Amino acid sequence: MGISRRVFLVLGATAGSACVLPIINQRAAAGTLATEPWAEKLITAARSQIGVTLLYDPSYTRIPYPGGDVPRFRGVCTDVIVRAYRDALNVDLQRLVHEDMSRSFSAYPKTWGLTHADSNIDHRRVPNLRVFLKRLKAELPVSDTGLDYQPGDIVTQKLPGNKPHIMLVSNVLNSDGSRPLVIHNIGWGARMEDVLFAYEVTGHYRFEG
């Protein structure tokens, strides 16, 4: 896979995202993929979080609605996606997920024992985003071929401990050109890395906003 990794445990992932922190030695990229305008905007917005979001922090936080966010220097994997859609496409996943959950609460996971939608956290949980994207008919087949994942696609993974994770596919290829790098926060803040197949892929989505 062209990576070397040490893994550390992060406790208390209440936002339902990453549980491990890989340290990755990334080799030079091989090139870039042709990118649709909407996806290029989305990727640019996600990449702009690199060097800004420096911490992984899954703490439950009360935030405004709509348009609410925790301070940008911290967050979880879902925040990379939420911020990119807001910044690039003016799409507020906090509002969209909350409205859909309020209408169809029974369609969403009951993992957290909630009895109603919670605009502070629902959009920051990977399983909820997966249901939301599937309900939008944005789901695509999961593949073990790297180039089946196109720039702007959303990919979910299952990490050790059965923890869910979510990433945005970039338009930058890895060193041998076999797959695109992804933009995510798995524990060290927002980064772009060659980890598309580092863990089991559980979902593949394309949402143009």
N, C-alpha and C. Protein backbone atom coordinates (compact mmCIF):
# COMPACT_ATOMS: atom_id res chain seq x y z
N MET A 1 0.81 -1.21 0.00
CA MET A 1 0.00 0.00 0.00
C MET A 1 0.85 1.26 0.00
N GLY A 2 2.16 1.12 0.09
CA GLY A 2 3.00 2.30 0.05
C GLY A 2 2.97 3.11 1.31
N ILE A 3 2.57 2.52 2.44
CA ILE A 3 2.51 3.28 3.68
C ILE A 3 3.15 2.47 4.78
N SER A 4 3.62 3.19 5.79
CA SER A 4 4.00 2.53 7.04
C SER A 4 3.18 3.16 8.13
N ARG A 5 2.77 2.37 9.11
CA ARG A 5 1.79 2.88 10.05
C ARG A 5 2.04 2.30 11.42
N ARG A 6 1.96 3.17 12.45
CA ARG A 6 1.85 2.75 13.83
C ARG A 6 0.46 3.15 14.30
N VAL A 7 -0.16 2.35 15.15
CA VAL A 7 -1.54 2.60 15.54
C VAL A 7 -1.62 2.83 17.04
N PHE A 8 -2.38 3.87 17.43
CA PHE A 8 -2.61 4.21 18.82
C PHE A 8 -4.11 4.27 19.06
N LEU A 9 -4.54 3.97 20.25
CA LEU A 9 -5.95 3.97 20.60
C LEU A 9 -6.38 5.32 21.12
N VAL A 10 -7.53 5.81 20.65
CA VAL A 10 -8.16 7.02 21.16
C VAL A 10 -9.45 6.61 21.84
N LEU A 11 -9.65 6.97 23.08
CA LEU A 11 -10.82 6.56 23.84
C LEU A 11 -11.94 7.57 23.71
N GLY A 12 -13.17 7.10 23.90
CA GLY A 12 -14.33 7.98 24.01
C GLY A 12 -14.73 8.63 22.72
N ALA A 13 -14.80 7.88 21.62
CA ALA A 13 -15.17 8.48 20.34
C ALA A 13 -16.67 8.66 20.25
N THR A 14 -17.20 9.63 21.00
CA THR A 14 -18.64 9.80 21.11
C THR A 14 -19.27 10.33 19.84
N ALA A 15 -18.51 10.94 18.95
CA ALA A 15 -19.09 11.42 17.70
C ALA A 15 -19.20 10.31 16.67
N GLY A 16 -18.82 9.09 17.03
CA GLY A 16 -19.03 7.94 16.16
C GLY A 16 -18.09 7.91 14.97
N SER A 17 -16.84 8.31 15.13
CA SER A 17 -15.95 8.26 13.99
C SER A 17 -14.69 7.50 14.34
N ALA A 18 -13.51 8.12 14.24
CA ALA A 18 -12.28 7.35 14.26
C ALA A 18 -11.90 6.88 15.65
N CYS A 19 -11.12 5.77 15.67
CA CYS A 19 -10.62 5.28 16.95
C CYS A 19 -9.12 5.03 16.90
N VAL A 20 -8.49 5.26 15.76
CA VAL A 20 -7.06 5.01 15.67
C VAL A 20 -6.34 6.20 15.06
N LEU A 21 -5.06 6.30 15.35
CA LEU A 21 -4.24 7.38 14.85
C LEU A 21 -3.08 6.80 14.05
N PRO A 22 -3.16 6.77 12.73
CA PRO A 22 -2.03 6.26 11.98
C PRO A 22 -1.00 7.35 11.73
N ILE A 23 0.26 7.01 11.84
CA ILE A 23 1.33 7.90 11.43
C ILE A 23 1.83 7.38 10.10
N ILE A 24 1.69 8.16 9.05
CA ILE A 24 1.89 7.66 7.70
C ILE A 24 3.05 8.41 7.03
N ASN A 25 3.98 7.68 6.45
CA ASN A 25 5.04 8.25 5.65
C ASN A 25 4.57 8.22 4.19
N GLN A 26 4.15 9.35 3.68
CA GLN A 26 3.53 9.43 2.36
C GLN A 26 4.58 9.69 1.28
N ARG A 27 4.62 8.84 0.27
CA ARG A 27 5.50 9.08 -0.86
C ARG A 27 4.87 10.07 -1.83
N ALA A 28 5.65 10.58 -2.75
CA ALA A 28 5.17 11.59 -3.70
C ALA A 28 4.03 11.03 -4.54
N ALA A 29 3.07 11.89 -4.87
CA ALA A 29 1.93 11.48 -5.67
C ALA A 29 2.34 11.29 -7.13
N ALA A 30 1.57 10.47 -7.86
CA ALA A 30 1.88 10.16 -9.26
C ALA A 30 1.24 11.13 -10.24
N GLY A 31 0.22 11.85 -9.84
CA GLY A 31 -0.47 12.75 -10.75
C GLY A 31 -1.85 13.07 -10.22
N THR A 32 -2.68 13.64 -11.08
CA THR A 32 -4.03 14.01 -10.68
C THR A 32 -5.05 13.45 -11.67
N LEU A 33 -6.29 13.36 -11.19
CA LEU A 33 -7.40 12.87 -12.00
C LEU A 33 -8.23 14.03 -12.51
N ALA A 34 -8.84 13.85 -13.68
CA ALA A 34 -9.80 14.82 -14.18
C ALA A 34 -10.93 14.95 -13.17
N THR A 35 -11.36 16.18 -12.94
CA THR A 35 -12.28 16.45 -11.83
C THR A 35 -13.43 17.34 -12.28
N GLU A 36 -14.65 16.93 -11.95
CA GLU A 36 -15.82 17.75 -12.24
C GLU A 36 -15.75 19.05 -11.42
N PRO A 37 -16.31 20.14 -11.93
CA PRO A 37 -16.22 21.42 -11.20
C PRO A 37 -16.73 21.36 -9.77
N TRP A 38 -17.86 20.69 -9.55
CA TRP A 38 -18.40 20.62 -8.18
C TRP A 38 -17.44 19.87 -7.27
N ALA A 39 -16.82 18.80 -7.80
CA ALA A 39 -15.91 18.01 -7.00
C ALA A 39 -14.61 18.76 -6.73
N GLU A 40 -14.15 19.53 -7.71
CA GLU A 40 -12.93 20.31 -7.51
C GLU A 40 -13.13 21.34 -6.39
N LYS A 41 -14.30 21.96 -6.37
CA LYS A 41 -14.60 22.91 -5.29
C LYS A 41 -14.61 22.20 -3.94
N LEU A 42 -15.23 21.03 -3.91
CA LEU A 42 -15.34 20.26 -2.67
C LEU A 42 -13.96 19.85 -2.16
N ILE A 43 -13.13 19.37 -3.05
CA ILE A 43 -11.78 18.94 -2.67
C ILE A 43 -10.95 20.12 -2.20
N THR A 44 -11.05 21.23 -2.89
CA THR A 44 -10.31 22.44 -2.48
C THR A 44 -10.72 22.86 -1.08
N ALA A 45 -12.03 22.80 -0.80
CA ALA A 45 -12.52 23.18 0.53
C ALA A 45 -12.02 22.21 1.60
N ALA A 46 -11.99 20.93 1.27
CA ALA A 46 -11.48 19.94 2.23
C ALA A 46 -9.99 20.14 2.46
N ARG A 47 -9.23 20.36 1.40
CA ARG A 47 -7.78 20.55 1.55
C ARG A 47 -7.45 21.81 2.33
N SER A 48 -8.33 22.80 2.26
CA SER A 48 -8.08 24.04 3.01
C SER A 48 -8.13 23.81 4.52
N GLN A 49 -8.68 22.68 4.95
CA GLN A 49 -8.73 22.37 6.38
C GLN A 49 -7.40 21.80 6.90
N ILE A 50 -6.55 21.36 5.98
CA ILE A 50 -5.25 20.81 6.38
C ILE A 50 -4.39 21.94 6.94
N GLY A 51 -3.86 21.72 8.12
CA GLY A 51 -3.09 22.76 8.79
C GLY A 51 -3.93 23.70 9.63
N VAL A 52 -5.26 23.56 9.51
CA VAL A 52 -6.20 24.37 10.31
C VAL A 52 -6.82 23.49 11.39
N THR A 53 -7.42 22.36 10.97
CA THR A 53 -7.96 21.39 11.92
C THR A 53 -6.81 20.48 12.34
N LEU A 54 -6.33 20.69 13.56
CA LEU A 54 -5.11 20.02 14.02
C LEU A 54 -5.39 18.94 15.05
N LEU A 55 -6.60 18.88 15.58
CA LEU A 55 -6.92 17.96 16.66
C LEU A 55 -8.10 17.09 16.29
N TYR A 56 -8.10 15.88 16.81
CA TYR A 56 -9.28 15.01 16.77
C TYR A 56 -9.96 15.11 18.12
N ASP A 57 -11.20 15.62 18.13
CA ASP A 57 -11.92 15.81 19.39
C ASP A 57 -13.37 15.41 19.18
N PRO A 58 -13.79 14.26 19.73
CA PRO A 58 -15.15 13.77 19.53
C PRO A 58 -16.14 14.23 20.60
N SER A 59 -15.80 15.21 21.40
CA SER A 59 -16.67 15.63 22.50
C SER A 59 -18.02 16.13 21.98
N TYR A 60 -19.07 15.76 22.69
CA TYR A 60 -20.40 16.31 22.39
C TYR A 60 -20.38 17.80 22.71
N THR A 61 -20.81 18.62 21.76
CA THR A 61 -20.77 20.07 21.92
C THR A 61 -22.07 20.67 21.42
N ARG A 62 -22.65 21.55 22.18
CA ARG A 62 -23.82 22.28 21.71
C ARG A 62 -23.38 23.35 20.71
N ILE A 63 -24.00 23.36 19.55
CA ILE A 63 -23.63 24.30 18.49
C ILE A 63 -24.89 24.96 17.93
N PRO A 64 -24.76 26.11 17.29
CA PRO A 64 -25.94 26.76 16.70
C PRO A 64 -26.56 25.90 15.61
N TYR A 65 -27.79 26.23 15.27
CA TYR A 65 -28.50 25.56 14.18
C TYR A 65 -29.34 26.59 13.44
N PRO A 66 -29.29 26.59 12.09
CA PRO A 66 -28.38 25.82 11.23
C PRO A 66 -27.00 26.47 11.17
N GLY A 67 -26.11 25.87 10.42
CA GLY A 67 -24.78 26.43 10.22
C GLY A 67 -23.85 26.31 11.39
N GLY A 68 -24.16 25.45 12.36
CA GLY A 68 -23.33 25.33 13.55
C GLY A 68 -22.08 24.50 13.32
N ASP A 69 -21.05 24.80 14.10
CA ASP A 69 -19.80 24.07 14.01
C ASP A 69 -19.04 24.23 15.31
N VAL A 70 -18.18 23.25 15.59
CA VAL A 70 -17.23 23.41 16.68
C VAL A 70 -16.06 24.23 16.13
N PRO A 71 -15.19 24.78 17.00
CA PRO A 71 -14.04 25.54 16.50
C PRO A 71 -13.24 24.73 15.48
N ARG A 72 -12.80 25.38 14.42
CA ARG A 72 -12.20 24.65 13.29
C ARG A 72 -10.86 24.01 13.61
N PHE A 73 -10.22 24.40 14.66
CA PHE A 73 -8.95 23.76 14.97
C PHE A 73 -9.14 22.33 15.48
N ARG A 74 -10.40 21.95 15.76
CA ARG A 74 -10.65 20.60 16.24
C ARG A 74 -11.86 20.02 15.51
N GLY A 75 -12.07 18.73 15.70
CA GLY A 75 -13.22 18.08 15.07
C GLY A 75 -12.99 16.60 14.91
N VAL A 76 -13.89 15.97 14.15
CA VAL A 76 -13.82 14.55 13.87
C VAL A 76 -13.90 14.34 12.36
N CYS A 77 -13.91 13.08 11.93
CA CYS A 77 -13.88 12.80 10.50
C CYS A 77 -15.08 13.39 9.77
N THR A 78 -16.24 13.34 10.39
CA THR A 78 -17.44 13.87 9.73
C THR A 78 -17.35 15.38 9.53
N ASP A 79 -16.65 16.07 10.41
CA ASP A 79 -16.54 17.53 10.27
C ASP A 79 -15.79 17.92 9.00
N VAL A 80 -14.86 17.10 8.55
CA VAL A 80 -14.18 17.38 7.29
C VAL A 80 -15.19 17.44 6.15
N ILE A 81 -16.12 16.49 6.15
CA ILE A 81 -17.14 16.43 5.10
C ILE A 81 -18.13 17.58 5.22
N VAL A 82 -18.62 17.80 6.43
CA VAL A 82 -19.62 18.86 6.66
C VAL A 82 -19.04 20.22 6.28
N ARG A 83 -17.83 20.51 6.71
CA ARG A 83 -17.22 21.81 6.41
C ARG A 83 -16.96 21.99 4.92
N ALA A 84 -16.53 20.92 4.26
CA ALA A 84 -16.26 21.02 2.83
C ALA A 84 -17.53 21.34 2.05
N TYR A 85 -18.64 20.67 2.36
CA TYR A 85 -19.89 20.93 1.65
C TYR A 85 -20.40 22.35 1.92
N ARG A 86 -20.25 22.82 3.12
CA ARG A 86 -20.68 24.19 3.43
C ARG A 86 -19.84 25.20 2.67
N ASP A 87 -18.52 25.04 2.76
CA ASP A 87 -17.61 26.03 2.18
C ASP A 87 -17.65 26.03 0.66
N ALA A 88 -17.74 24.85 0.07
CA ALA A 88 -17.63 24.73 -1.38
C ALA A 88 -18.96 24.89 -2.11
N LEU A 89 -20.01 24.29 -1.57
CA LEU A 89 -21.27 24.18 -2.30
C LEU A 89 -22.44 24.82 -1.59
N ASN A 90 -22.19 25.44 -0.43
CA ASN A 90 -23.26 26.06 0.37
C ASN A 90 -24.34 25.05 0.73
N VAL A 91 -23.92 23.82 0.99
CA VAL A 91 -24.82 22.74 1.40
C VAL A 91 -24.59 22.48 2.88
N ASP A 92 -25.64 22.64 3.68
CA ASP A 92 -25.53 22.48 5.13
C ASP A 92 -26.03 21.10 5.54
N LEU A 93 -25.11 20.17 5.71
CA LEU A 93 -25.51 18.81 6.10
C LEU A 93 -26.12 18.77 7.48
N GLN A 94 -25.76 19.69 8.34
CA GLN A 94 -26.41 19.75 9.66
C GLN A 94 -27.92 19.94 9.47
N ARG A 95 -28.30 20.90 8.65
CA ARG A 95 -29.72 21.17 8.43
C ARG A 95 -30.40 20.02 7.69
N LEU A 96 -29.76 19.53 6.62
CA LEU A 96 -30.38 18.49 5.81
C LEU A 96 -30.59 17.21 6.60
N VAL A 97 -29.57 16.80 7.36
CA VAL A 97 -29.71 15.57 8.16
C VAL A 97 -30.76 15.77 9.26
N HIS A 98 -30.73 16.93 9.91
CA HIS A 98 -31.69 17.17 10.98
C HIS A 98 -33.13 17.15 10.45
N GLU A 99 -33.35 17.78 9.31
CA GLU A 99 -34.70 17.80 8.74
C GLU A 99 -35.16 16.40 8.36
N ASP A 100 -34.25 15.62 7.77
CA ASP A 100 -34.63 14.27 7.36
C ASP A 100 -34.87 13.37 8.57
N MET A 101 -34.03 13.52 9.58
CA MET A 101 -34.21 12.71 10.79
C MET A 101 -35.49 13.11 11.53
N SER A 102 -35.82 14.38 11.51
CA SER A 102 -37.05 14.83 12.17
C SER A 102 -38.28 14.26 11.49
N ARG A 103 -38.21 14.12 10.16
CA ARG A 103 -39.34 13.56 9.41
C ARG A 103 -39.39 12.05 9.51
N SER A 104 -38.21 11.41 9.50
CA SER A 104 -38.15 9.95 9.37
C SER A 104 -37.18 9.37 10.39
N PHE A 105 -37.40 9.66 11.64
CA PHE A 105 -36.46 9.26 12.69
C PHE A 105 -36.27 7.75 12.74
N SER A 106 -37.31 7.00 12.44
CA SER A 106 -37.23 5.54 12.53
C SER A 106 -36.29 4.94 11.51
N ALA A 107 -35.93 5.70 10.46
CA ALA A 107 -35.05 5.18 9.42
C ALA A 107 -33.58 5.21 9.84
N TYR A 108 -33.29 5.90 10.92
CA TYR A 108 -31.90 6.12 11.33
C TYR A 108 -31.51 5.20 12.48
N PRO A 109 -30.19 4.97 12.65
CA PRO A 109 -29.73 4.06 13.72
C PRO A 109 -30.17 4.52 15.10
N LYS A 110 -30.38 3.55 15.98
CA LYS A 110 -30.76 3.84 17.37
C LYS A 110 -29.59 3.59 18.33
N THR A 111 -28.39 3.59 17.77
CA THR A 111 -27.19 3.23 18.53
C THR A 111 -27.02 4.05 19.80
N TRP A 112 -27.44 5.30 19.78
CA TRP A 112 -27.16 6.22 20.89
C TRP A 112 -28.34 6.39 21.84
N GLY A 113 -29.40 5.64 21.64
CA GLY A 113 -30.53 5.66 22.55
C GLY A 113 -31.36 6.93 22.51
N LEU A 114 -31.28 7.68 21.42
CA LEU A 114 -32.05 8.91 21.31
C LEU A 114 -33.51 8.61 20.95
N THR A 115 -34.38 9.53 21.32
CA THR A 115 -35.79 9.39 20.98
C THR A 115 -36.25 10.46 20.00
N HIS A 116 -35.36 11.36 19.65
CA HIS A 116 -35.68 12.43 18.69
C HIS A 116 -34.38 12.94 18.09
N ALA A 117 -34.50 13.70 17.02
CA ALA A 117 -33.32 14.24 16.34
C ALA A 117 -32.61 15.26 17.23
N ASP A 118 -31.30 15.34 17.10
CA ASP A 118 -30.48 16.26 17.88
C ASP A 118 -29.55 16.99 16.91
N SER A 119 -29.83 18.25 16.64
CA SER A 119 -29.08 19.01 15.64
C SER A 119 -27.64 19.30 16.07
N ASN A 120 -27.31 19.05 17.33
CA ASN A 120 -25.94 19.26 17.79
C ASN A 120 -24.98 18.16 17.32
N ILE A 121 -25.50 16.97 17.08
CA ILE A 121 -24.60 15.83 16.89
C ILE A 121 -24.98 14.91 15.74
N ASP A 122 -26.24 14.88 15.31
CA ASP A 122 -26.68 13.86 14.35
C ASP A 122 -25.85 13.86 13.07
N HIS A 123 -25.54 15.04 12.52
CA HIS A 123 -24.78 15.13 11.28
C HIS A 123 -23.31 14.82 11.47
N ARG A 124 -22.85 14.71 12.72
CA ARG A 124 -21.45 14.44 13.04
C ARG A 124 -21.21 12.96 13.31
N ARG A 125 -22.21 12.12 13.04
CA ARG A 125 -22.10 10.69 13.26
C ARG A 125 -22.11 9.96 11.93
N VAL A 126 -21.08 9.16 11.69
CA VAL A 126 -20.92 8.47 10.41
C VAL A 126 -22.14 7.62 10.04
N PRO A 127 -22.67 6.79 10.94
CA PRO A 127 -23.83 5.97 10.55
C PRO A 127 -25.01 6.81 10.07
N ASN A 128 -25.24 7.97 10.66
CA ASN A 128 -26.33 8.83 10.21
C ASN A 128 -26.07 9.38 8.81
N LEU A 129 -24.83 9.78 8.53
CA LEU A 129 -24.52 10.26 7.19
C LEU A 129 -24.68 9.16 6.16
N ARG A 130 -24.34 7.94 6.52
CA ARG A 130 -24.51 6.83 5.60
C ARG A 130 -25.99 6.63 5.25
N VAL A 131 -26.86 6.65 6.26
CA VAL A 131 -28.29 6.51 6.00
C VAL A 131 -28.81 7.66 5.16
N PHE A 132 -28.41 8.87 5.52
CA PHE A 132 -28.85 10.05 4.78
C PHE A 132 -28.46 9.96 3.31
N LEU A 133 -27.21 9.62 3.02
CA LEU A 133 -26.75 9.53 1.64
C LEU A 133 -27.45 8.42 0.88
N LYS A 134 -27.70 7.30 1.55
CA LYS A 134 -28.43 6.21 0.90
C LYS A 134 -29.86 6.64 0.58
N ARG A 135 -30.49 7.38 1.50
CA ARG A 135 -31.85 7.85 1.26
C ARG A 135 -31.90 8.86 0.11
N LEU A 136 -30.79 9.55 -0.14
CA LEU A 136 -30.70 10.46 -1.29
C LEU A 136 -30.41 9.72 -2.59
N LYS A 137 -30.24 8.39 -2.51
CA LYS A 137 -29.87 7.57 -3.66
C LYS A 137 -28.49 7.97 -4.19
N ALA A 138 -27.61 8.33 -3.28
CA ALA A 138 -26.25 8.71 -3.63
C ALA A 138 -25.27 7.55 -3.48
N GLU A 139 -25.78 6.37 -3.15
CA GLU A 139 -24.91 5.22 -2.87
C GLU A 139 -24.40 4.60 -4.17
N LEU A 140 -23.12 4.24 -4.19
CA LEU A 140 -22.47 3.58 -5.32
C LEU A 140 -21.89 2.25 -4.84
N PRO A 141 -21.55 1.35 -5.77
CA PRO A 141 -20.97 0.07 -5.36
C PRO A 141 -19.62 0.25 -4.66
N VAL A 142 -19.39 -0.59 -3.68
CA VAL A 142 -18.06 -0.69 -3.06
C VAL A 142 -17.19 -1.54 -3.96
N SER A 143 -15.97 -1.09 -4.22
CA SER A 143 -15.07 -1.77 -5.14
C SER A 143 -13.70 -1.93 -4.50
N ASP A 144 -12.95 -2.93 -4.95
CA ASP A 144 -11.58 -3.07 -4.51
C ASP A 144 -10.60 -2.54 -5.56
N THR A 145 -11.13 -1.81 -6.55
CA THR A 145 -10.31 -1.15 -7.57
C THR A 145 -10.23 0.33 -7.27
N GLY A 146 -9.04 0.82 -7.03
CA GLY A 146 -8.88 2.18 -6.55
C GLY A 146 -9.47 3.25 -7.45
N LEU A 147 -9.35 3.07 -8.78
CA LEU A 147 -9.80 4.11 -9.70
C LEU A 147 -11.30 4.10 -9.92
N ASP A 148 -12.02 3.17 -9.26
CA ASP A 148 -13.48 3.26 -9.25
C ASP A 148 -13.97 4.37 -8.34
N TYR A 149 -13.09 4.89 -7.50
CA TYR A 149 -13.43 5.97 -6.58
C TYR A 149 -12.99 7.29 -7.21
N GLN A 150 -13.96 8.13 -7.51
CA GLN A 150 -13.70 9.35 -8.27
C GLN A 150 -13.55 10.56 -7.35
N PRO A 151 -12.88 11.61 -7.84
CA PRO A 151 -12.73 12.82 -7.03
C PRO A 151 -14.08 13.36 -6.56
N GLY A 152 -14.14 13.68 -5.27
CA GLY A 152 -15.38 14.18 -4.67
C GLY A 152 -16.24 13.10 -4.05
N ASP A 153 -15.93 11.84 -4.30
CA ASP A 153 -16.71 10.75 -3.70
C ASP A 153 -16.48 10.72 -2.19
N ILE A 154 -17.45 10.18 -1.49
CA ILE A 154 -17.37 9.97 -0.05
C ILE A 154 -17.22 8.47 0.19
N VAL A 155 -16.30 8.10 1.07
CA VAL A 155 -16.05 6.69 1.38
C VAL A 155 -16.09 6.50 2.89
N THR A 156 -16.75 5.42 3.31
CA THR A 156 -16.75 5.08 4.73
C THR A 156 -15.97 3.79 4.94
N GLN A 157 -15.41 3.66 6.14
CA GLN A 157 -14.62 2.49 6.50
C GLN A 157 -15.05 1.99 7.88
N LYS A 158 -14.66 0.74 8.15
CA LYS A 158 -14.79 0.18 9.50
C LYS A 158 -13.39 0.02 10.07
N LEU A 159 -13.13 0.73 11.16
CA LEU A 159 -11.83 0.70 11.81
C LEU A 159 -11.80 -0.37 12.89
N PRO A 160 -10.62 -0.68 13.43
CA PRO A 160 -10.55 -1.62 14.55
C PRO A 160 -11.48 -1.21 15.68
N GLY A 161 -12.09 -2.19 16.32
CA GLY A 161 -13.07 -1.90 17.36
C GLY A 161 -14.43 -1.60 16.79
N ASN A 162 -14.63 -1.89 15.48
CA ASN A 162 -15.92 -1.67 14.81
C ASN A 162 -16.31 -0.19 14.80
N LYS A 163 -15.31 0.69 14.76
CA LYS A 163 -15.56 2.13 14.73
C LYS A 163 -15.72 2.61 13.29
N PRO A 164 -16.74 3.42 13.00
CA PRO A 164 -16.93 3.92 11.63
C PRO A 164 -16.07 5.14 11.35
N HIS A 165 -15.72 5.30 10.09
CA HIS A 165 -14.88 6.41 9.65
C HIS A 165 -15.38 6.89 8.29
N ILE A 166 -15.13 8.17 7.96
CA ILE A 166 -15.58 8.72 6.69
C ILE A 166 -14.48 9.61 6.11
N MET A 167 -14.38 9.62 4.78
CA MET A 167 -13.30 10.31 4.08
C MET A 167 -13.83 10.90 2.77
N LEU A 168 -13.12 11.89 2.26
CA LEU A 168 -13.42 12.47 0.95
C LEU A 168 -12.31 12.09 -0.02
N VAL A 169 -12.69 11.59 -1.20
CA VAL A 169 -11.72 11.20 -2.21
C VAL A 169 -11.18 12.45 -2.91
N SER A 170 -9.87 12.56 -2.98
CA SER A 170 -9.24 13.71 -3.64
C SER A 170 -9.02 13.40 -5.13
N ASN A 171 -8.45 14.35 -5.86
CA ASN A 171 -8.10 14.14 -7.27
C ASN A 171 -6.60 13.87 -7.45
N VAL A 172 -5.90 13.62 -6.34
CA VAL A 172 -4.47 13.36 -6.38
C VAL A 172 -4.24 11.85 -6.27
N LEU A 173 -3.46 11.30 -7.19
CA LEU A 173 -3.18 9.87 -7.18
C LEU A 173 -2.02 9.53 -6.25
N ASN A 174 -2.03 8.30 -5.78
CA ASN A 174 -0.91 7.83 -4.95
C ASN A 174 0.32 7.62 -5.82
N SER A 175 1.40 7.14 -5.22
CA SER A 175 2.70 7.12 -5.90
C SER A 175 2.73 6.22 -7.13
N ASP A 176 1.92 5.15 -7.14
CA ASP A 176 1.93 4.28 -8.32
C ASP A 176 0.71 4.48 -9.22
N GLY A 177 -0.10 5.48 -8.91
CA GLY A 177 -1.25 5.80 -9.76
C GLY A 177 -2.40 4.84 -9.66
N SER A 178 -2.42 3.99 -8.64
CA SER A 178 -3.44 2.95 -8.54
C SER A 178 -4.70 3.40 -7.83
N ARG A 179 -4.64 4.48 -7.08
CA ARG A 179 -5.81 4.94 -6.32
C ARG A 179 -5.59 6.39 -5.90
N PRO A 180 -6.69 7.11 -5.68
CA PRO A 180 -6.57 8.49 -5.21
C PRO A 180 -6.30 8.55 -3.71
N LEU A 181 -5.64 9.62 -3.29
CA LEU A 181 -5.52 9.90 -1.88
C LEU A 181 -6.86 10.36 -1.34
N VAL A 182 -7.02 10.30 -0.03
CA VAL A 182 -8.25 10.76 0.60
C VAL A 182 -7.94 11.84 1.62
N ILE A 183 -8.94 12.68 1.88
CA ILE A 183 -8.82 13.75 2.87
C ILE A 183 -9.70 13.38 4.04
N HIS A 184 -9.13 13.39 5.24
CA HIS A 184 -9.87 12.90 6.40
C HIS A 184 -9.20 13.38 7.68
N ASN A 185 -9.88 13.09 8.78
CA ASN A 185 -9.31 13.30 10.12
C ASN A 185 -9.51 12.01 10.89
N ILE A 186 -8.45 11.26 11.03
CA ILE A 186 -8.53 9.98 11.74
C ILE A 186 -7.83 10.05 13.09
N GLY A 187 -7.34 11.24 13.44
CA GLY A 187 -6.73 11.36 14.75
C GLY A 187 -5.69 12.45 14.87
N TRP A 188 -5.14 12.89 13.73
CA TRP A 188 -4.09 13.91 13.77
C TRP A 188 -4.55 15.20 13.11
N GLY A 189 -5.84 15.44 13.03
CA GLY A 189 -6.34 16.59 12.30
C GLY A 189 -6.53 16.26 10.83
N ALA A 190 -6.94 17.25 10.06
CA ALA A 190 -7.21 17.04 8.64
C ALA A 190 -5.91 16.76 7.89
N ARG A 191 -5.92 15.70 7.09
CA ARG A 191 -4.75 15.31 6.31
C ARG A 191 -5.19 14.68 5.00
N MET A 192 -4.30 14.67 4.02
CA MET A 192 -4.52 13.97 2.76
C MET A 192 -3.52 12.82 2.70
N GLU A 193 -4.04 11.58 2.60
CA GLU A 193 -3.18 10.41 2.77
C GLU A 193 -3.62 9.27 1.86
N ASP A 194 -2.74 8.30 1.70
CA ASP A 194 -2.99 7.13 0.88
C ASP A 194 -3.53 6.00 1.76
N VAL A 195 -4.80 6.12 2.14
CA VAL A 195 -5.39 5.14 3.06
C VAL A 195 -6.77 4.66 2.59
N LEU A 196 -7.02 4.77 1.28
CA LEU A 196 -8.33 4.36 0.77
C LEU A 196 -8.67 2.92 1.16
N PHE A 197 -7.67 2.03 1.12
CA PHE A 197 -7.90 0.62 1.43
C PHE A 197 -7.17 0.19 2.70
N ALA A 198 -6.82 1.15 3.55
CA ALA A 198 -6.13 0.79 4.79
C ALA A 198 -7.02 -0.02 5.73
N TYR A 199 -8.33 0.21 5.64
CA TYR A 199 -9.31 -0.51 6.45
C TYR A 199 -10.47 -0.92 5.55
N GLU A 200 -11.34 -1.77 6.05
CA GLU A 200 -12.47 -2.26 5.26
C GLU A 200 -13.36 -1.11 4.81
N VAL A 201 -13.62 -1.05 3.52
CA VAL A 201 -14.53 -0.04 2.96
C VAL A 201 -15.97 -0.53 3.14
N THR A 202 -16.80 0.29 3.75
CA THR A 202 -18.18 -0.09 4.04
C THR A 202 -19.20 0.69 3.23
N GLY A 203 -18.78 1.78 2.57
CA GLY A 203 -19.73 2.58 1.82
C GLY A 203 -19.03 3.47 0.82
N HIS A 204 -19.73 3.76 -0.28
CA HIS A 204 -19.21 4.59 -1.37
C HIS A 204 -20.37 5.44 -1.88
N TYR A 205 -20.18 6.76 -1.89
CA TYR A 205 -21.28 7.68 -2.19
C TYR A 205 -20.79 8.82 -3.08
N ARG A 206 -21.71 9.36 -3.86
CA ARG A 206 -21.42 10.55 -4.70
C ARG A 206 -22.60 11.52 -4.55
N PHE A 207 -22.35 12.63 -3.90
CA PHE A 207 -23.38 13.62 -3.60
C PHE A 207 -22.92 14.97 -4.11
N GLU A 208 -23.52 15.44 -5.20
CA GLU A 208 -23.09 16.67 -5.83
C GLU A 208 -23.66 17.92 -5.15
N GLY A 209 -24.50 17.71 -4.13
CA GLY A 209 -25.00 18.84 -3.37
C GLY A 209 -26.21 19.50 -3.99
